[in-house]
Amino acid sequence: MLHIIKQEINMSKELLSKIEWTCKMKQVKPEIKEGYLHIVEHTNLAYVEPHKVIIKGCLYLFFNEQNYFYIGNLGTKYPLSKLQEYIL
């Protein structure tokens, strides 16, 4: 039987400040859910679940130390510097 260990990953202060600053400029309040690291015990398998931010009902996905974010799913990445343009 597989045993999966789930560890919370804290959002970096730099990423959090960028998101909060952008939302403040757009006068919206984000709902932030931090990501998790899922490790399958006794294997070398692991999955990083992204940080989830819900802004005006739209799901945005972020990873620490990345200059990109995703909207809705991991299909298309967008530059973090353009976040303000993608918040509707």
PDB file of N, CA and C in Angstrom:
ATOM      1  N   MET A   1       0.836  -1.184   0.000  1.00  0.00           N
ATOM      2  CA  MET A   1       0.000   0.000   0.000  1.00  0.00           C
ATOM      3  C   MET A   1       0.882   1.249   0.000  1.00  0.00           C
ATOM      4  N   LEU A   2       0.487   2.222  -0.799  1.00  0.00           N
ATOM      5  CA  LEU A   2       1.243   3.470  -0.884  1.00  0.00           C
ATOM      6  C   LEU A   2       0.860   4.406   0.248  1.00  0.00           C
ATOM      7  N   HIS A   3       1.868   5.029   0.800  1.00  0.00           N
ATOM      8  CA  HIS A   3       1.628   6.012   1.843  1.00  0.00           C
ATOM      9  C   HIS A   3       2.149   7.348   1.323  1.00  0.00           C
ATOM     10  N   ILE A   4       1.285   8.349   1.271  1.00  0.00           N
ATOM     11  CA  ILE A   4       1.667   9.662   0.754  1.00  0.00           C
ATOM     12  C   ILE A   4       1.780  10.644   1.905  1.00  0.00           C
ATOM     13  N   ILE A   5       2.932  11.294   1.968  1.00  0.00           N
ATOM     14  CA  ILE A   5       3.188  12.303   2.992  1.00  0.00           C
ATOM     15  C   ILE A   5       2.891  13.667   2.377  1.00  0.00           C
ATOM     16  N   LYS A   6       2.134  14.484   3.070  1.00  0.00           N
ATOM     17  CA  LYS A   6       1.740  15.808   2.586  1.00  0.00           C
ATOM     18  C   LYS A   6       2.344  16.864   3.501  1.00  0.00           C
ATOM     19  N   GLN A   7       3.219  17.717   2.935  1.00  0.00           N
ATOM     20  CA  GLN A   7       3.872  18.781   3.706  1.00  0.00           C
ATOM     21  C   GLN A   7       3.521  20.131   3.096  1.00  0.00           C
ATOM     22  N   GLU A   8       3.092  21.049   3.940  1.00  0.00           N
ATOM     23  CA  GLU A   8       2.748  22.390   3.457  1.00  0.00           C
ATOM     24  C   GLU A   8       4.016  23.148   3.071  1.00  0.00           C
ATOM     25  N   ILE A   9       3.920  23.884   1.968  1.00  0.00           N
ATOM     26  CA  ILE A   9       5.017  24.734   1.509  1.00  0.00           C
ATOM     27  C   ILE A   9       4.595  26.180   1.757  1.00  0.00           C
ATOM     28  N   ASN A  10       5.403  26.924   2.469  1.00  0.00           N
ATOM     29  CA  ASN A  10       5.093  28.334   2.705  1.00  0.00           C
ATOM     30  C   ASN A  10       5.404  29.157   1.470  1.00  0.00           C
ATOM     31  N   MET A  11       4.518  30.077   1.164  1.00  0.00           N
ATOM     32  CA  MET A  11       4.747  30.969   0.041  1.00  0.00           C
ATOM     33  C   MET A  11       5.873  31.927   0.404  1.00  0.00           C
ATOM     34  N   SER A  12       6.786  32.148  -0.527  1.00  0.00           N
ATOM     35  CA  SER A  12       7.898  33.046  -0.242  1.00  0.00           C
ATOM     36  C   SER A  12       7.378  34.469   0.000  1.00  0.00           C
ATOM     37  N   LYS A  13       8.077  35.200   0.842  1.00  0.00           N
ATOM     38  CA  LYS A  13       7.659  36.566   1.164  1.00  0.00           C
ATOM     39  C   LYS A  13       7.671  37.452  -0.073  1.00  0.00           C
ATOM     40  N   GLU A  14       8.624  37.227  -0.944  1.00  0.00           N
ATOM     41  CA  GLU A  14       8.725  38.024  -2.174  1.00  0.00           C
ATOM     42  C   GLU A  14       7.502  37.800  -3.063  1.00  0.00           C
ATOM     43  N   LEU A  15       7.118  36.547  -3.261  1.00  0.00           N
ATOM     44  CA  LEU A  15       5.960  36.237  -4.091  1.00  0.00           C
ATOM     45  C   LEU A  15       4.675  36.776  -3.452  1.00  0.00           C
ATOM     46  N   LEU A  16       4.537  36.585  -2.160  1.00  0.00           N
ATOM     47  CA  LEU A  16       3.354  37.080  -1.441  1.00  0.00           C
ATOM     48  C   LEU A  16       3.236  38.594  -1.561  1.00  0.00           C
ATOM     49  N   SER A  17       4.341  39.301  -1.431  1.00  0.00           N
ATOM     50  CA  SER A  17       4.286  40.766  -1.527  1.00  0.00           C
ATOM     51  C   SER A  17       3.918  41.220  -2.940  1.00  0.00           C
ATOM     52  N   LYS A  18       4.389  40.513  -3.968  1.00  0.00           N
ATOM     53  CA  LYS A  18       4.035  40.867  -5.346  1.00  0.00           C
ATOM     54  C   LYS A  18       2.537  40.681  -5.586  1.00  0.00           C
ATOM     55  N   ILE A  19       1.993  39.570  -5.085  1.00  0.00           N
ATOM     56  CA  ILE A  19       0.569  39.307  -5.261  1.00  0.00           C
ATOM     57  C   ILE A  19      -0.263  40.337  -4.502  1.00  0.00           C
ATOM     58  N   GLU A  20       0.090  40.588  -3.245  1.00  0.00           N
ATOM     59  CA  GLU A  20      -0.659  41.550  -2.444  1.00  0.00           C
ATOM     60  C   GLU A  20      -0.568  42.957  -3.020  1.00  0.00           C
ATOM     61  N   TRP A  21       0.597  43.358  -3.503  1.00  0.00           N
ATOM     62  CA  TRP A  21       0.767  44.685  -4.091  1.00  0.00           C
ATOM     63  C   TRP A  21      -0.114  44.835  -5.324  1.00  0.00           C
ATOM     64  N   THR A  22      -0.098  43.815  -6.200  1.00  0.00           N
ATOM     65  CA  THR A  22      -0.910  43.867  -7.420  1.00  0.00           C
ATOM     66  C   THR A  22      -2.392  43.932  -7.084  1.00  0.00           C
ATOM     67  N   CYS A  23      -2.826  43.127  -6.123  1.00  0.00           N
ATOM     68  CA  CYS A  23      -4.242  43.140  -5.734  1.00  0.00           C
ATOM     69  C   CYS A  23      -4.635  44.469  -5.108  1.00  0.00           C
ATOM     70  N   LYS A  24      -3.725  45.066  -4.352  1.00  0.00           N
ATOM     71  CA  LYS A  24      -4.008  46.373  -3.760  1.00  0.00           C
ATOM     72  C   LYS A  24      -4.189  47.425  -4.856  1.00  0.00           C
ATOM     73  N   MET A  25      -3.361  47.355  -5.896  1.00  0.00           N
ATOM     74  CA  MET A  25      -3.476  48.304  -7.006  1.00  0.00           C
ATOM     75  C   MET A  25      -4.802  48.120  -7.752  1.00  0.00           C
ATOM     76  N   LYS A  26      -5.268  46.871  -7.843  1.00  0.00           N
ATOM     77  CA  LYS A  26      -6.526  46.578  -8.532  1.00  0.00           C
ATOM     78  C   LYS A  26      -7.724  46.671  -7.597  1.00  0.00           C
ATOM     79  N   GLN A  27      -7.476  46.947  -6.311  1.00  0.00           N
ATOM     80  CA  GLN A  27      -8.508  47.091  -5.288  1.00  0.00           C
ATOM     81  C   GLN A  27      -9.373  45.831  -5.166  1.00  0.00           C
ATOM     82  N   VAL A  28      -8.686  44.674  -5.103  1.00  0.00           N
ATOM     83  CA  VAL A  28      -9.351  43.389  -4.891  1.00  0.00           C
ATOM     84  C   VAL A  28      -8.672  42.664  -3.733  1.00  0.00           C
ATOM     85  N   LYS A  29      -9.385  41.737  -3.122  1.00  0.00           N
ATOM     86  CA  LYS A  29      -8.827  40.975  -2.013  1.00  0.00           C
ATOM     87  C   LYS A  29      -8.606  39.534  -2.467  1.00  0.00           C
ATOM     88  N   PRO A  30      -7.359  39.057  -2.417  1.00  0.00           N
ATOM     89  CA  PRO A  30      -7.089  37.685  -2.842  1.00  0.00           C
ATOM     90  C   PRO A  30      -7.365  36.681  -1.730  1.00  0.00           C
ATOM     91  N   GLU A  31      -7.788  35.488  -2.110  1.00  0.00           N
ATOM     92  CA  GLU A  31      -7.928  34.362  -1.181  1.00  0.00           C
ATOM     93  C   GLU A  31      -6.748  33.436  -1.476  1.00  0.00           C
ATOM     94  N   ILE A  32      -5.815  33.310  -0.532  1.00  0.00           N
ATOM     95  CA  ILE A  32      -4.572  32.582  -0.753  1.00  0.00           C
ATOM     96  C   ILE A  32      -4.591  31.251  -0.017  1.00  0.00           C
ATOM     97  N   LYS A  33      -4.280  30.173  -0.760  1.00  0.00           N
ATOM     98  CA  LYS A  33      -4.150  28.832  -0.190  1.00  0.00           C
ATOM     99  C   LYS A  33      -2.740  28.342  -0.553  1.00  0.00           C
ATOM    100  N   GLU A  34      -1.933  28.100   0.463  1.00  0.00           N
ATOM    101  CA  GLU A  34      -0.554  27.702   0.203  1.00  0.00           C
ATOM    102  C   GLU A  34      -0.488  26.289  -0.357  1.00  0.00           C
ATOM    103  N   GLY A  35       0.569  26.024  -1.126  1.00  0.00           N
ATOM    104  CA  GLY A  35       0.747  24.743  -1.785  1.00  0.00           C
ATOM    105  C   GLY A  35       1.273  23.661  -0.861  1.00  0.00           C
ATOM    106  N   TYR A  36       1.394  22.450  -1.412  1.00  0.00           N
ATOM    107  CA  TYR A  36       1.854  21.293  -0.646  1.00  0.00           C
ATOM    108  C   TYR A  36       2.880  20.504  -1.447  1.00  0.00           C
ATOM    109  N   LEU A  37       3.705  19.797  -0.741  1.00  0.00           N
ATOM    110  CA  LEU A  37       4.620  18.832  -1.324  1.00  0.00           C
ATOM    111  C   LEU A  37       4.066  17.463  -0.979  1.00  0.00           C
ATOM    112  N   HIS A  38       3.777  16.657  -1.993  1.00  0.00           N
ATOM    113  CA  HIS A  38       3.264  15.308  -1.794  1.00  0.00           C
ATOM    114  C   HIS A  38       4.418  14.341  -2.087  1.00  0.00           C
ATOM    115  N   ILE A  39       4.782  13.522  -1.124  1.00  0.00           N
ATOM    116  CA  ILE A  39       5.877  12.573  -1.271  1.00  0.00           C
ATOM    117  C   ILE A  39       5.322  11.157  -1.112  1.00  0.00           C
ATOM    118  N   VAL A  40       5.611  10.296  -2.089  1.00  0.00           N
ATOM    119  CA  VAL A  40       5.215   8.901  -1.980  1.00  0.00           C
ATOM    120  C   VAL A  40       6.332   8.195  -1.209  1.00  0.00           C
ATOM    121  N   GLU A  41       5.995   7.720  -0.016  1.00  0.00           N
ATOM    122  CA  GLU A  41       6.977   7.128   0.887  1.00  0.00           C
ATOM    123  C   GLU A  41       7.632   5.888   0.258  1.00  0.00           C
ATOM    124  N   HIS A  42       8.924   5.733   0.493  1.00  0.00           N
ATOM    125  CA  HIS A  42       9.748   4.613   0.013  1.00  0.00           C
ATOM    126  C   HIS A  42       9.942   4.620  -1.504  1.00  0.00           C
ATOM    127  N   THR A  43       9.755   5.782  -2.129  1.00  0.00           N
ATOM    128  CA  THR A  43      10.031   5.935  -3.560  1.00  0.00           C
ATOM    129  C   THR A  43      10.741   7.260  -3.750  1.00  0.00           C
ATOM    130  N   ASN A  44      11.107   7.545  -4.994  1.00  0.00           N
ATOM    131  CA  ASN A  44      11.692   8.848  -5.292  1.00  0.00           C
ATOM    132  C   ASN A  44      10.670   9.750  -5.994  1.00  0.00           C
ATOM    133  N   LEU A  45       9.389   9.484  -5.795  1.00  0.00           N
ATOM    134  CA  LEU A  45       8.326  10.266  -6.414  1.00  0.00           C
ATOM    135  C   LEU A  45       7.843  11.371  -5.488  1.00  0.00           C
ATOM    136  N   ALA A  46       7.698  12.555  -6.070  1.00  0.00           N
ATOM    137  CA  ALA A  46       7.180  13.696  -5.319  1.00  0.00           C
ATOM    138  C   ALA A  46       6.444  14.612  -6.295  1.00  0.00           C
ATOM    139  N   TYR A  47       5.475  15.338  -5.778  1.00  0.00           N
ATOM    140  CA  TYR A  47       4.699  16.277  -6.577  1.00  0.00           C
ATOM    141  C   TYR A  47       4.558  17.569  -5.787  1.00  0.00           C
ATOM    142  N   VAL A  48       4.843  18.676  -6.445  1.00  0.00           N
ATOM    143  CA  VAL A  48       4.676  19.988  -5.816  1.00  0.00           C
ATOM    144  C   VAL A  48       3.337  20.558  -6.273  1.00  0.00           C
ATOM    145  N   GLU A  49       2.446  20.742  -5.320  1.00  0.00           N
ATOM    146  CA  GLU A  49       1.155  21.357  -5.603  1.00  0.00           C
ATOM    147  C   GLU A  49       1.344  22.874  -5.518  1.00  0.00           C
ATOM    148  N   PRO A  50       0.948  23.618  -6.538  1.00  0.00           N
ATOM    149  CA  PRO A  50       1.192  25.064  -6.536  1.00  0.00           C
ATOM    150  C   PRO A  50       0.367  25.805  -5.491  1.00  0.00           C
ATOM    151  N   HIS A  51       0.811  27.029  -5.193  1.00  0.00           N
ATOM    152  CA  HIS A  51       0.024  27.925  -4.345  1.00  0.00           C
ATOM    153  C   HIS A  51      -1.180  28.362  -5.170  1.00  0.00           C
ATOM    154  N   LYS A  52      -2.350  28.387  -4.548  1.00  0.00           N
ATOM    155  CA  LYS A  52      -3.572  28.767  -5.249  1.00  0.00           C
ATOM    156  C   LYS A  52      -4.047  30.111  -4.723  1.00  0.00           C
ATOM    157  N   VAL A  53      -4.312  31.015  -5.645  1.00  0.00           N
ATOM    158  CA  VAL A  53      -4.823  32.336  -5.284  1.00  0.00           C
ATOM    159  C   VAL A  53      -6.098  32.562  -6.089  1.00  0.00           C
ATOM    160  N   ILE A  54      -7.172  32.842  -5.376  1.00  0.00           N
ATOM    161  CA  ILE A  54      -8.452  33.106  -6.041  1.00  0.00           C
ATOM    162  C   ILE A  54      -8.710  34.603  -5.974  1.00  0.00           C
ATOM    163  N   ILE A  55      -8.828  35.194  -7.159  1.00  0.00           N
ATOM    164  CA  ILE A  55      -9.077  36.627  -7.276  1.00  0.00           C
ATOM    165  C   ILE A  55     -10.301  36.806  -8.166  1.00  0.00           C
ATOM    166  N   LYS A  56     -11.344  37.405  -7.610  1.00  0.00           N
ATOM    167  CA  LYS A  56     -12.595  37.639  -8.344  1.00  0.00           C
ATOM    168  C   LYS A  56     -13.129  36.349  -8.959  1.00  0.00           C
ATOM    169  N   GLY A  57     -13.022  35.236  -8.231  1.00  0.00           N
ATOM    170  CA  GLY A  57     -13.554  33.958  -8.697  1.00  0.00           C
ATOM    171  C   GLY A  57     -12.689  33.222  -9.705  1.00  0.00           C
ATOM    172  N   CYS A  58     -11.539  33.765 -10.039  1.00  0.00           N
ATOM    173  CA  CYS A  58     -10.638  33.142 -11.012  1.00  0.00           C
ATOM    174  C   CYS A  58      -9.441  32.535 -10.273  1.00  0.00           C
ATOM    175  N   LEU A  59      -9.030  31.319 -10.659  1.00  0.00           N
ATOM    176  CA  LEU A  59      -7.941  30.609 -10.004  1.00  0.00           C
ATOM    177  C   LEU A  59      -6.608  30.936 -10.675  1.00  0.00           C
ATOM    178  N   TYR A  60      -5.647  31.392  -9.863  1.00  0.00           N
ATOM    179  CA  TYR A  60      -4.286  31.666 -10.316  1.00  0.00           C
ATOM    180  C   TYR A  60      -3.351  30.728  -9.566  1.00  0.00           C
ATOM    181  N   LEU A  61      -2.381  30.143 -10.265  1.00  0.00           N
ATOM    182  CA  LEU A  61      -1.447  29.195  -9.667  1.00  0.00           C
ATOM    183  C   LEU A  61      -0.037  29.767  -9.693  1.00  0.00           C
ATOM    184  N   PHE A  62       0.670  29.633  -8.564  1.00  0.00           N
ATOM    185  CA  PHE A  62       2.013  30.187  -8.422  1.00  0.00           C
ATOM    186  C   PHE A  62       2.947  29.150  -7.808  1.00  0.00           C
ATOM    187  N   PHE A  63       4.216  29.206  -8.205  1.00  0.00           N
ATOM    188  CA  PHE A  63       5.274  28.410  -7.586  1.00  0.00           C
ATOM    189  C   PHE A  63       6.314  29.372  -7.031  1.00  0.00           C
ATOM    190  N   ASN A  64       6.914  29.031  -5.902  1.00  0.00           N
ATOM    191  CA  ASN A  64       7.999  29.848  -5.343  1.00  0.00           C
ATOM    192  C   ASN A  64       9.167  29.885  -6.323  1.00  0.00           C
ATOM    193  N   GLU A  65       9.875  30.992  -6.316  1.00  0.00           N
ATOM    194  CA  GLU A  65      11.098  31.176  -7.095  1.00  0.00           C
ATOM    195  C   GLU A  65      10.884  31.095  -8.606  1.00  0.00           C
ATOM    196  N   GLN A  66       9.671  31.305  -9.086  1.00  0.00           N
ATOM    197  CA  GLN A  66       9.388  31.297 -10.512  1.00  0.00           C
ATOM    198  C   GLN A  66       8.906  32.677 -10.942  1.00  0.00           C
ATOM    199  N   ASN A  67       9.236  33.049 -12.162  1.00  0.00           N
ATOM    200  CA  ASN A  67       8.821  34.346 -12.700  1.00  0.00           C
ATOM    201  C   ASN A  67       7.569  34.219 -13.561  1.00  0.00           C
ATOM    202  N   TYR A  68       6.838  33.125 -13.375  1.00  0.00           N
ATOM    203  CA  TYR A  68       5.641  32.877 -14.148  1.00  0.00           C
ATOM    204  C   TYR A  68       4.495  32.478 -13.224  1.00  0.00           C
ATOM    205  N   PHE A  69       3.267  32.633 -13.711  1.00  0.00           N
ATOM    206  CA  PHE A  69       2.080  32.152 -13.013  1.00  0.00           C
ATOM    207  C   PHE A  69       1.164  31.527 -14.051  1.00  0.00           C
ATOM    208  N   TYR A  70       0.156  30.826 -13.590  1.00  0.00           N
ATOM    209  CA  TYR A  70      -0.768  30.122 -14.458  1.00  0.00           C
ATOM    210  C   TYR A  70      -2.189  30.511 -14.082  1.00  0.00           C
ATOM    211  N   ILE A  71      -3.096  30.455 -15.052  1.00  0.00           N
ATOM    212  CA  ILE A  71      -4.495  30.772 -14.805  1.00  0.00           C
ATOM    213  C   ILE A  71      -5.323  29.520 -15.075  1.00  0.00           C
ATOM    214  N   GLY A  72      -6.026  29.046 -14.043  1.00  0.00           N
ATOM    215  CA  GLY A  72      -6.925  27.912 -14.191  1.00  0.00           C
ATOM    216  C   GLY A  72      -6.265  26.543 -14.173  1.00  0.00           C
ATOM    217  N   ASN A  73      -5.217  26.355 -14.976  1.00  0.00           N
ATOM    218  CA  ASN A  73      -4.491  25.093 -15.018  1.00  0.00           C
ATOM    219  C   ASN A  73      -3.041  25.371 -15.424  1.00  0.00           C
ATOM    220  N   LEU A  74      -2.251  24.317 -15.518  1.00  0.00           N
ATOM    221  CA  LEU A  74      -0.831  24.496 -15.825  1.00  0.00           C
ATOM    222  C   LEU A  74      -0.550  24.462 -17.321  1.00  0.00           C
ATOM    223  N   GLY A  75      -1.557  24.702 -18.135  1.00  0.00           N
ATOM    224  CA  GLY A  75      -1.414  24.638 -19.588  1.00  0.00           C
ATOM    225  C   GLY A  75      -0.611  25.785 -20.190  1.00  0.00           C
ATOM    226  N   THR A  76      -0.804  26.982 -19.695  1.00  0.00           N
ATOM    227  CA  THR A  76      -0.136  28.154 -20.265  1.00  0.00           C
ATOM    228  C   THR A  76       0.432  28.997 -19.141  1.00  0.00           C
ATOM    229  N   LYS A  77       1.695  29.394 -19.291  1.00  0.00           N
ATOM    230  CA  LYS A  77       2.296  30.251 -18.274  1.00  0.00           C
ATOM    231  C   LYS A  77       2.338  31.690 -18.757  1.00  0.00           C
ATOM    232  N   TYR A  78       2.248  32.595 -17.792  1.00  0.00           N
ATOM    233  CA  TYR A  78       2.243  34.025 -18.057  1.00  0.00           C
ATOM    234  C   TYR A  78       3.318  34.669 -17.196  1.00  0.00           C
ATOM    235  N   PRO A  79       3.971  35.724 -17.688  1.00  0.00           N
ATOM    236  CA  PRO A  79       5.011  36.380 -16.877  1.00  0.00           C
ATOM    237  C   PRO A  79       4.414  37.054 -15.640  1.00  0.00           C
ATOM    238  N   LEU A  80       5.075  36.869 -14.510  1.00  0.00           N
ATOM    239  CA  LEU A  80       4.615  37.442 -13.244  1.00  0.00           C
ATOM    240  C   LEU A  80       4.552  38.969 -13.320  1.00  0.00           C
ATOM    241  N   SER A  81       5.401  39.565 -14.114  1.00  0.00           N
ATOM    242  CA  SER A  81       5.404  41.017 -14.250  1.00  0.00           C
ATOM    243  C   SER A  81       4.120  41.548 -14.917  1.00  0.00           C
ATOM    244  N   LYS A  82       3.352  40.677 -15.550  1.00  0.00           N
ATOM    245  CA  LYS A  82       2.113  41.074 -16.235  1.00  0.00           C
ATOM    246  C   LYS A  82       0.865  40.664 -15.452  1.00  0.00           C
ATOM    247  N   LEU A  83       1.020  40.268 -14.184  1.00  0.00           N
ATOM    248  CA  LEU A  83      -0.106  39.802 -13.371  1.00  0.00           C
ATOM    249  C   LEU A  83      -1.240  40.829 -13.338  1.00  0.00           C
ATOM    250  N   GLN A  84      -0.904  42.089 -13.194  1.00  0.00           N
ATOM    251  CA  GLN A  84      -1.914  43.140 -13.082  1.00  0.00           C
ATOM    252  C   GLN A  84      -2.806  43.175 -14.337  1.00  0.00           C
ATOM    253  N   GLU A  85      -2.235  42.875 -15.485  1.00  0.00           N
ATOM    254  CA  GLU A  85      -3.003  42.906 -16.743  1.00  0.00           C
ATOM    255  C   GLU A  85      -3.991  41.747 -16.841  1.00  0.00           C
ATOM    256  N   TYR A  86      -3.716  40.636 -16.159  1.00  0.00           N
ATOM    257  CA  TYR A  86      -4.553  39.448 -16.258  1.00  0.00           C
ATOM    258  C   TYR A  86      -5.631  39.373 -15.192  1.00  0.00           C
ATOM    259  N   ILE A  87      -5.593  40.263 -14.204  1.00  0.00           N
ATOM    260  CA  ILE A  87      -6.670  40.308 -13.217  1.00  0.00           C
ATOM    261  C   ILE A  87      -7.801  41.110 -13.803  1.00  0.00           C
ATOM    262  N   LEU A  88      -8.929  40.450 -13.982  1.00  0.00           N
ATOM    263  CA  LEU A  88     -10.071  41.089 -14.647  1.00  0.00           C
ATOM    264  C   LEU A  88     -10.791  42.063 -13.763  1.00  0.00           C
TER     265      LEU A  88
END
